[in-house]
Amino acid sequence: MKYPCIVYARDFADTRFADNAPYNNTTRYQVTVIDRDPDSDIPIKVQALPLCSYDRGFVAEGLNHDVFRLYF
């Protein structure tokens, strides 16, 4: 991988039912911004997306990871 990068994966799906039929599907993604720069502006831009919330941050192997939950 080349840094900075964004890694995402489907994390959760919720289906609501009415009259035994699905009427609302919500999918959540785990979005991780990985960057060498601890003061990168990329996490700020990701956090500004609608229905996005900050989950956690950590450092591993000298890389800064910012993890977000994004509903789509």
PDB file of N, CA and C in Angstrom:
ATOM      1  N   MET A   1       0.834  -1.180   0.000  1.00  0.00           N
ATOM      2  CA  MET A   1       0.000   0.000   0.000  1.00  0.00           C
ATOM      3  C   MET A   1       0.877   1.241   0.000  1.00  0.00           C
ATOM      4  N   LYS A   2       0.338   2.278  -0.591  1.00  0.00           N
ATOM      5  CA  LYS A   2       0.987   3.588  -0.544  1.00  0.00           C
ATOM      6  C   LYS A   2       0.214   4.441   0.456  1.00  0.00           C
ATOM      7  N   TYR A   3       0.950   5.176   1.266  1.00  0.00           N
ATOM      8  CA  TYR A   3       0.322   5.977   2.309  1.00  0.00           C
ATOM      9  C   TYR A   3       0.399   7.439   1.940  1.00  0.00           C
ATOM     10  N   PRO A   4      -0.628   8.213   2.199  1.00  0.00           N
ATOM     11  CA  PRO A   4      -1.831   7.882   2.956  1.00  0.00           C
ATOM     12  C   PRO A   4      -2.789   7.033   2.123  1.00  0.00           C
ATOM     13  N   CYS A   5      -3.618   6.265   2.833  1.00  0.00           N
ATOM     14  CA  CYS A   5      -4.624   5.448   2.159  1.00  0.00           C
ATOM     15  C   CYS A   5      -5.872   5.348   3.027  1.00  0.00           C
ATOM     16  N   ILE A   6      -6.944   4.910   2.379  1.00  0.00           N
ATOM     17  CA  ILE A   6      -8.209   4.668   3.068  1.00  0.00           C
ATOM     18  C   ILE A   6      -8.589   3.222   2.808  1.00  0.00           C
ATOM     19  N   VAL A   7      -8.858   2.493   3.878  1.00  0.00           N
ATOM     20  CA  VAL A   7      -9.278   1.100   3.787  1.00  0.00           C
ATOM     21  C   VAL A   7     -10.693   1.020   4.352  1.00  0.00           C
ATOM     22  N   TYR A   8     -11.576   0.345   3.628  1.00  0.00           N
ATOM     23  CA  TYR A   8     -12.946   0.237   4.138  1.00  0.00           C
ATOM     24  C   TYR A   8     -13.463  -1.178   3.968  1.00  0.00           C
ATOM     25  N   ALA A   9     -14.430  -1.499   4.806  1.00  0.00           N
ATOM     26  CA  ALA A   9     -15.068  -2.815   4.756  1.00  0.00           C
ATOM     27  C   ALA A   9     -16.489  -2.691   5.296  1.00  0.00           C
ATOM     28  N   ARG A  10     -17.375  -3.467   4.725  1.00  0.00           N
ATOM     29  CA  ARG A  10     -18.740  -3.494   5.259  1.00  0.00           C
ATOM     30  C   ARG A  10     -18.670  -4.094   6.652  1.00  0.00           C
ATOM     31  N   ASP A  11     -19.302  -3.422   7.586  1.00  0.00           N
ATOM     32  CA  ASP A  11     -19.163  -3.760   8.995  1.00  0.00           C
ATOM     33  C   ASP A  11     -20.451  -4.306   9.597  1.00  0.00           C
ATOM     34  N   PHE A  12     -21.593  -3.813   9.126  1.00  0.00           N
ATOM     35  CA  PHE A  12     -22.871  -4.161   9.745  1.00  0.00           C
ATOM     36  C   PHE A  12     -23.986  -3.817   8.764  1.00  0.00           C
ATOM     37  N   ALA A  13     -25.045  -4.590   8.788  1.00  0.00           N
ATOM     38  CA  ALA A  13     -26.231  -4.280   7.989  1.00  0.00           C
ATOM     39  C   ALA A  13     -27.458  -4.492   8.859  1.00  0.00           C
ATOM     40  N   ASP A  14     -28.393  -3.571   8.755  1.00  0.00           N
ATOM     41  CA  ASP A  14     -29.619  -3.641   9.539  1.00  0.00           C
ATOM     42  C   ASP A  14     -30.804  -3.559   8.581  1.00  0.00           C
ATOM     43  N   THR A  15     -31.701  -4.510   8.677  1.00  0.00           N
ATOM     44  CA  THR A  15     -32.901  -4.522   7.857  1.00  0.00           C
ATOM     45  C   THR A  15     -34.106  -4.415   8.767  1.00  0.00           C
ATOM     46  N   ARG A  16     -34.979  -3.483   8.458  1.00  0.00           N
ATOM     47  CA  ARG A  16     -36.225  -3.317   9.214  1.00  0.00           C
ATOM     48  C   ARG A  16     -37.362  -3.881   8.380  1.00  0.00           C
ATOM     49  N   PHE A  17     -38.282  -4.535   9.066  1.00  0.00           N
ATOM     50  CA  PHE A  17     -39.379  -5.206   8.385  1.00  0.00           C
ATOM     51  C   PHE A  17     -40.722  -4.630   8.799  1.00  0.00           C
ATOM     52  N   ALA A  18     -41.664  -4.674   7.871  1.00  0.00           N
ATOM     53  CA  ALA A  18     -43.063  -4.343   8.137  1.00  0.00           C
ATOM     54  C   ALA A  18     -43.906  -5.281   7.290  1.00  0.00           C
ATOM     55  N   ASP A  19     -44.900  -5.870   7.886  1.00  0.00           N
ATOM     56  CA  ASP A  19     -45.755  -6.839   7.182  1.00  0.00           C
ATOM     57  C   ASP A  19     -44.923  -7.941   6.525  1.00  0.00           C
ATOM     58  N   ASN A  20     -43.911  -8.414   7.250  1.00  0.00           N
ATOM     59  CA  ASN A  20     -43.040  -9.501   6.809  1.00  0.00           C
ATOM     60  C   ASN A  20     -42.236  -9.189   5.546  1.00  0.00           C
ATOM     61  N   ALA A  21     -42.064  -7.910   5.238  1.00  0.00           N
ATOM     62  CA  ALA A  21     -41.266  -7.518   4.073  1.00  0.00           C
ATOM     63  C   ALA A  21     -40.267  -6.444   4.498  1.00  0.00           C
ATOM     64  N   PRO A  22     -39.075  -6.472   3.939  1.00  0.00           N
ATOM     65  CA  PRO A  22     -38.101  -5.433   4.295  1.00  0.00           C
ATOM     66  C   PRO A  22     -38.505  -4.087   3.705  1.00  0.00           C
ATOM     67  N   TYR A  23     -38.421  -3.050   4.511  1.00  0.00           N
ATOM     68  CA  TYR A  23     -38.748  -1.716   4.019  1.00  0.00           C
ATOM     69  C   TYR A  23     -37.605  -0.726   4.194  1.00  0.00           C
ATOM     70  N   ASN A  24     -36.601  -1.091   4.981  1.00  0.00           N
ATOM     71  CA  ASN A  24     -35.486  -0.165   5.208  1.00  0.00           C
ATOM     72  C   ASN A  24     -34.213  -0.980   5.423  1.00  0.00           C
ATOM     73  N   ASN A  25     -33.204  -0.727   4.610  1.00  0.00           N
ATOM     74  CA  ASN A  25     -31.906  -1.379   4.761  1.00  0.00           C
ATOM     75  C   ASN A  25     -30.851  -0.317   5.028  1.00  0.00           C
ATOM     76  N   THR A  26     -30.070  -0.523   6.056  1.00  0.00           N
ATOM     77  CA  THR A  26     -28.992   0.398   6.398  1.00  0.00           C
ATOM     78  C   THR A  26     -27.698  -0.407   6.480  1.00  0.00           C
ATOM     79  N   THR A  27     -26.696   0.074   5.785  1.00  0.00           N
ATOM     80  CA  THR A  27     -25.391  -0.588   5.783  1.00  0.00           C
ATOM     81  C   THR A  27     -24.371   0.326   6.437  1.00  0.00           C
ATOM     82  N   ARG A  28     -23.552  -0.260   7.320  1.00  0.00           N
ATOM     83  CA  ARG A  28     -22.501   0.509   7.976  1.00  0.00           C
ATOM     84  C   ARG A  28     -21.158  -0.006   7.493  1.00  0.00           C
ATOM     85  N   TYR A  29     -20.243   0.925   7.280  1.00  0.00           N
ATOM     86  CA  TYR A  29     -18.897   0.591   6.856  1.00  0.00           C
ATOM     87  C   TYR A  29     -17.896   1.041   7.909  1.00  0.00           C
ATOM     88  N   GLN A  30     -16.837   0.283   8.061  1.00  0.00           N
ATOM     89  CA  GLN A  30     -15.707   0.711   8.882  1.00  0.00           C
ATOM     90  C   GLN A  30     -14.683   1.298   7.918  1.00  0.00           C
ATOM     91  N   VAL A  31     -14.395   2.571   8.100  1.00  0.00           N
ATOM     92  CA  VAL A  31     -13.464   3.288   7.229  1.00  0.00           C
ATOM     93  C   VAL A  31     -12.231   3.630   8.059  1.00  0.00           C
ATOM     94  N   THR A  32     -11.055   3.204   7.592  1.00  0.00           N
ATOM     95  CA  THR A  32      -9.810   3.471   8.305  1.00  0.00           C
ATOM     96  C   THR A  32      -8.899   4.319   7.427  1.00  0.00           C
ATOM     97  N   VAL A  33      -8.501   5.465   7.969  1.00  0.00           N
ATOM     98  CA  VAL A  33      -7.534   6.324   7.290  1.00  0.00           C
ATOM     99  C   VAL A  33      -6.175   5.998   7.884  1.00  0.00           C
ATOM    100  N   ILE A  34      -5.225   5.636   7.029  1.00  0.00           N
ATOM    101  CA  ILE A  34      -3.876   5.279   7.478  1.00  0.00           C
ATOM    102  C   ILE A  34      -2.909   6.278   6.864  1.00  0.00           C
ATOM    103  N   ASP A  35      -2.110   6.919   7.719  1.00  0.00           N
ATOM    104  CA  ASP A  35      -1.194   7.954   7.246  1.00  0.00           C
ATOM    105  C   ASP A  35       0.016   8.022   8.160  1.00  0.00           C
ATOM    106  N   ARG A  36       1.143   8.381   7.598  1.00  0.00           N
ATOM    107  CA  ARG A  36       2.357   8.571   8.404  1.00  0.00           C
ATOM    108  C   ARG A  36       2.287   9.875   9.202  1.00  0.00           C
ATOM    109  N   ASP A  37       1.561  10.866   8.666  1.00  0.00           N
ATOM    110  CA  ASP A  37       1.452  12.187   9.278  1.00  0.00           C
ATOM    111  C   ASP A  37       0.361  12.175  10.358  1.00  0.00           C
ATOM    112  N   PRO A  38       0.718  12.400  11.625  1.00  0.00           N
ATOM    113  CA  PRO A  38      -0.304  12.404  12.679  1.00  0.00           C
ATOM    114  C   PRO A  38      -1.250  13.599  12.593  1.00  0.00           C
ATOM    115  N   ASP A  39      -0.864  14.644  11.859  1.00  0.00           N
ATOM    116  CA  ASP A  39      -1.689  15.844  11.729  1.00  0.00           C
ATOM    117  C   ASP A  39      -2.318  15.954  10.343  1.00  0.00           C
ATOM    118  N   SER A  40      -2.529  14.850   9.691  1.00  0.00           N
ATOM    119  CA  SER A  40      -3.121  14.829   8.360  1.00  0.00           C
ATOM    120  C   SER A  40      -4.525  15.424   8.387  1.00  0.00           C
ATOM    121  N   ASP A  41      -4.916  16.082   7.308  1.00  0.00           N
ATOM    122  CA  ASP A  41      -6.265  16.641   7.226  1.00  0.00           C
ATOM    123  C   ASP A  41      -7.265  15.648   6.632  1.00  0.00           C
ATOM    124  N   ILE A  42      -6.812  14.496   6.195  1.00  0.00           N
ATOM    125  CA  ILE A  42      -7.716  13.498   5.610  1.00  0.00           C
ATOM    126  C   ILE A  42      -8.754  13.006   6.623  1.00  0.00           C
ATOM    127  N   PRO A  43      -8.378  12.661   7.864  1.00  0.00           N
ATOM    128  CA  PRO A  43      -9.420  12.237   8.827  1.00  0.00           C
ATOM    129  C   PRO A  43     -10.476  13.311   9.084  1.00  0.00           C
ATOM    130  N   ILE A  44     -10.090  14.566   9.043  1.00  0.00           N
ATOM    131  CA  ILE A  44     -11.052  15.660   9.256  1.00  0.00           C
ATOM    132  C   ILE A  44     -12.064  15.685   8.120  1.00  0.00           C
ATOM    133  N   LYS A  45     -11.584  15.455   6.888  1.00  0.00           N
ATOM    134  CA  LYS A  45     -12.482  15.441   5.734  1.00  0.00           C
ATOM    135  C   LYS A  45     -13.411  14.227   5.765  1.00  0.00           C
ATOM    136  N   VAL A  46     -12.909  13.085   6.187  1.00  0.00           N
ATOM    137  CA  VAL A  46     -13.754  11.885   6.284  1.00  0.00           C
ATOM    138  C   VAL A  46     -14.805  12.084   7.365  1.00  0.00           C
ATOM    139  N   GLN A  47     -14.423  12.652   8.495  1.00  0.00           N
ATOM    140  CA  GLN A  47     -15.361  12.864   9.600  1.00  0.00           C
ATOM    141  C   GLN A  47     -16.469  13.845   9.225  1.00  0.00           C
ATOM    142  N   ALA A  48     -16.234  14.696   8.237  1.00  0.00           N
ATOM    143  CA  ALA A  48     -17.237  15.665   7.810  1.00  0.00           C
ATOM    144  C   ALA A  48     -18.310  15.051   6.912  1.00  0.00           C
ATOM    145  N   LEU A  49     -18.140  13.785   6.498  1.00  0.00           N
ATOM    146  CA  LEU A  49     -19.137  13.132   5.659  1.00  0.00           C
ATOM    147  C   LEU A  49     -20.435  12.923   6.441  1.00  0.00           C
ATOM    148  N   PRO A  50     -21.585  12.998   5.757  1.00  0.00           N
ATOM    149  CA  PRO A  50     -22.858  12.758   6.443  1.00  0.00           C
ATOM    150  C   PRO A  50     -22.914  11.346   7.033  1.00  0.00           C
ATOM    151  N   LEU A  51     -23.492  11.214   8.192  1.00  0.00           N
ATOM    152  CA  LEU A  51     -23.682   9.948   8.903  1.00  0.00           C
ATOM    153  C   LEU A  51     -22.369   9.239   9.215  1.00  0.00           C
ATOM    154  N   CYS A  52     -21.340  10.010   9.500  1.00  0.00           N
ATOM    155  CA  CYS A  52     -20.029   9.454   9.835  1.00  0.00           C
ATOM    156  C   CYS A  52     -19.674   9.848  11.266  1.00  0.00           C
ATOM    157  N   SER A  53     -19.106   8.905  12.010  1.00  0.00           N
ATOM    158  CA  SER A  53     -18.674   9.205  13.370  1.00  0.00           C
ATOM    159  C   SER A  53     -17.309   8.583  13.627  1.00  0.00           C
ATOM    160  N   TYR A  54     -16.523   9.264  14.448  1.00  0.00           N
ATOM    161  CA  TYR A  54     -15.192   8.794  14.807  1.00  0.00           C
ATOM    162  C   TYR A  54     -15.325   7.652  15.802  1.00  0.00           C
ATOM    163  N   ASP A  55     -14.581   6.582  15.576  1.00  0.00           N
ATOM    164  CA  ASP A  55     -14.656   5.424  16.467  1.00  0.00           C
ATOM    165  C   ASP A  55     -13.430   5.348  17.370  1.00  0.00           C
ATOM    166  N   ARG A  56     -12.243   5.339  16.775  1.00  0.00           N
ATOM    167  CA  ARG A  56     -11.028   5.242  17.583  1.00  0.00           C
ATOM    168  C   ARG A  56      -9.817   5.568  16.717  1.00  0.00           C
ATOM    169  N   GLY A  57      -8.711   5.765  17.379  1.00  0.00           N
ATOM    170  CA  GLY A  57      -7.446   5.990  16.692  1.00  0.00           C
ATOM    171  C   GLY A  57      -6.350   5.199  17.386  1.00  0.00           C
ATOM    172  N   PHE A  58      -5.357   4.770  16.607  1.00  0.00           N
ATOM    173  CA  PHE A  58      -4.236   4.050  17.189  1.00  0.00           C
ATOM    174  C   PHE A  58      -3.035   4.141  16.251  1.00  0.00           C
ATOM    175  N   VAL A  59      -1.865   3.839  16.799  1.00  0.00           N
ATOM    176  CA  VAL A  59      -0.627   3.827  16.022  1.00  0.00           C
ATOM    177  C   VAL A  59      -0.113   2.399  15.988  1.00  0.00           C
ATOM    178  N   ALA A  60       0.232   1.927  14.789  1.00  0.00           N
ATOM    179  CA  ALA A  60       0.792   0.595  14.623  1.00  0.00           C
ATOM    180  C   ALA A  60       1.877   0.654  13.551  1.00  0.00           C
ATOM    181  N   GLU A  61       3.039   0.148  13.886  1.00  0.00           N
ATOM    182  CA  GLU A  61       4.179   0.110  12.975  1.00  0.00           C
ATOM    183  C   GLU A  61       4.510   1.487  12.417  1.00  0.00           C
ATOM    184  N   GLY A  62       4.390   2.504  13.248  1.00  0.00           N
ATOM    185  CA  GLY A  62       4.733   3.865  12.858  1.00  0.00           C
ATOM    186  C   GLY A  62       3.705   4.547  11.976  1.00  0.00           C
ATOM    187  N   LEU A  63       2.528   3.934  11.818  1.00  0.00           N
ATOM    188  CA  LEU A  63       1.472   4.518  11.001  1.00  0.00           C
ATOM    189  C   LEU A  63       0.287   4.886  11.890  1.00  0.00           C
ATOM    190  N   ASN A  64      -0.296   6.028  11.619  1.00  0.00           N
ATOM    191  CA  ASN A  64      -1.453   6.513  12.372  1.00  0.00           C
ATOM    192  C   ASN A  64      -2.728   6.001  11.711  1.00  0.00           C
ATOM    193  N   HIS A  65      -3.581   5.394  12.502  1.00  0.00           N
ATOM    194  CA  HIS A  65      -4.841   4.842  12.024  1.00  0.00           C
ATOM    195  C   HIS A  65      -5.986   5.603  12.696  1.00  0.00           C
ATOM    196  N   ASP A  66      -6.907   6.126  11.906  1.00  0.00           N
ATOM    197  CA  ASP A  66      -8.126   6.739  12.413  1.00  0.00           C
ATOM    198  C   ASP A  66      -9.293   5.944  11.861  1.00  0.00           C
ATOM    199  N   VAL A  67     -10.120   5.396  12.758  1.00  0.00           N
ATOM    200  CA  VAL A  67     -11.213   4.509  12.359  1.00  0.00           C
ATOM    201  C   VAL A  67     -12.535   5.237  12.536  1.00  0.00           C
ATOM    202  N   PHE A  68     -13.378   5.137  11.510  1.00  0.00           N
ATOM    203  CA  PHE A  68     -14.678   5.798  11.499  1.00  0.00           C
ATOM    204  C   PHE A  68     -15.763   4.772  11.206  1.00  0.00           C
ATOM    205  N   ARG A  69     -16.997   5.094  11.604  1.00  0.00           N
ATOM    206  CA  ARG A  69     -18.182   4.318  11.267  1.00  0.00           C
ATOM    207  C   ARG A  69     -19.001   5.189  10.303  1.00  0.00           C
ATOM    208  N   LEU A  70     -19.278   4.659   9.136  1.00  0.00           N
ATOM    209  CA  LEU A  70     -19.988   5.419   8.101  1.00  0.00           C
ATOM    210  C   LEU A  70     -21.220   4.649   7.665  1.00  0.00           C
ATOM    211  N   TYR A  71     -22.389   5.274   7.786  1.00  0.00           N
ATOM    212  CA  TYR A  71     -23.642   4.661   7.344  1.00  0.00           C
ATOM    213  C   TYR A  71     -23.949   5.129   5.946  1.00  0.00           C
ATOM    214  N   PHE A  72     -24.398   4.171   5.113  1.00  0.00           N
ATOM    215  CA  PHE A  72     -24.685   4.504   3.717  1.00  0.00           C
ATOM    216  C   PHE A  72     -25.943   3.810   3.283  1.00  0.00           C
TER     217      PHE A  72
END
